[in-house]
């Protein structure tokens, strides 16, 4: 599996948070 860099990880987390809390 490919490791995520900080930019990718923060983008994924931000997207996930928006999906959870919309």
N, C-alpha and C. Protein backbone atom coordinates (compact mmCIF):
# COMPACT_ATOMS: atom_id res chain seq x y z
N UNK A 1 0.85 -1.20 0.00
CA UNK A 1 0.00 0.00 0.00
C UNK A 1 0.88 1.24 0.00
N UNK A 2 0.38 2.28 -0.61
CA UNK A 2 1.17 3.51 -0.70
C UNK A 2 0.95 4.37 0.54
N UNK A 3 2.02 4.82 1.17
CA UNK A 3 1.87 5.73 2.32
C UNK A 3 1.36 7.09 1.87
N UNK A 4 0.52 7.68 2.69
CA UNK A 4 0.02 9.02 2.38
C UNK A 4 1.00 10.07 2.88
N UNK A 5 1.17 11.13 2.12
CA UNK A 5 1.92 12.26 2.64
C UNK A 5 0.98 13.17 3.43
N UNK A 6 1.54 14.17 4.09
CA UNK A 6 0.72 15.00 4.97
C UNK A 6 -0.41 15.71 4.23
N UNK A 7 -0.11 16.21 3.04
CA UNK A 7 -1.14 16.92 2.28
C UNK A 7 -2.30 16.00 1.92
N UNK A 8 -1.98 14.79 1.46
CA UNK A 8 -3.03 13.83 1.11
C UNK A 8 -3.81 13.42 2.33
N UNK A 9 -3.11 13.14 3.43
CA UNK A 9 -3.77 12.69 4.64
C UNK A 9 -4.69 13.77 5.20
N UNK A 10 -4.22 15.02 5.24
CA UNK A 10 -5.06 16.10 5.75
C UNK A 10 -6.28 16.32 4.85
N UNK A 11 -6.10 16.19 3.54
CA UNK A 11 -7.23 16.34 2.62
C UNK A 11 -8.26 15.23 2.84
N UNK A 12 -7.79 14.01 3.00
CA UNK A 12 -8.70 12.88 3.26
C UNK A 12 -9.44 13.07 4.58
N UNK A 13 -8.72 13.47 5.62
CA UNK A 13 -9.35 13.68 6.91
C UNK A 13 -10.37 14.81 6.86
N UNK A 14 -10.03 15.89 6.17
CA UNK A 14 -10.95 17.01 6.04
C UNK A 14 -12.22 16.58 5.31
N UNK A 15 -12.05 15.87 4.20
CA UNK A 15 -13.20 15.37 3.44
C UNK A 15 -14.05 14.44 4.30
N UNK A 16 -13.41 13.53 5.02
CA UNK A 16 -14.13 12.60 5.89
C UNK A 16 -14.89 13.33 6.98
N UNK A 17 -14.28 14.35 7.57
CA UNK A 17 -14.95 15.12 8.61
C UNK A 17 -16.17 15.85 8.05
N UNK A 18 -16.02 16.44 6.87
CA UNK A 18 -17.16 17.12 6.24
C UNK A 18 -18.29 16.15 5.94
N UNK A 19 -17.97 14.95 5.50
CA UNK A 19 -18.99 13.93 5.24
C UNK A 19 -19.68 13.50 6.53
N UNK A 20 -18.91 13.34 7.61
CA UNK A 20 -19.49 12.91 8.88
C UNK A 20 -20.41 13.96 9.48
N UNK A 21 -20.00 15.24 9.39
CA UNK A 21 -20.67 16.28 10.16
C UNK A 21 -21.58 17.18 9.34
N UNK A 22 -21.85 16.80 8.08
CA UNK A 22 -22.73 17.64 7.26
C UNK A 22 -24.21 17.49 7.66
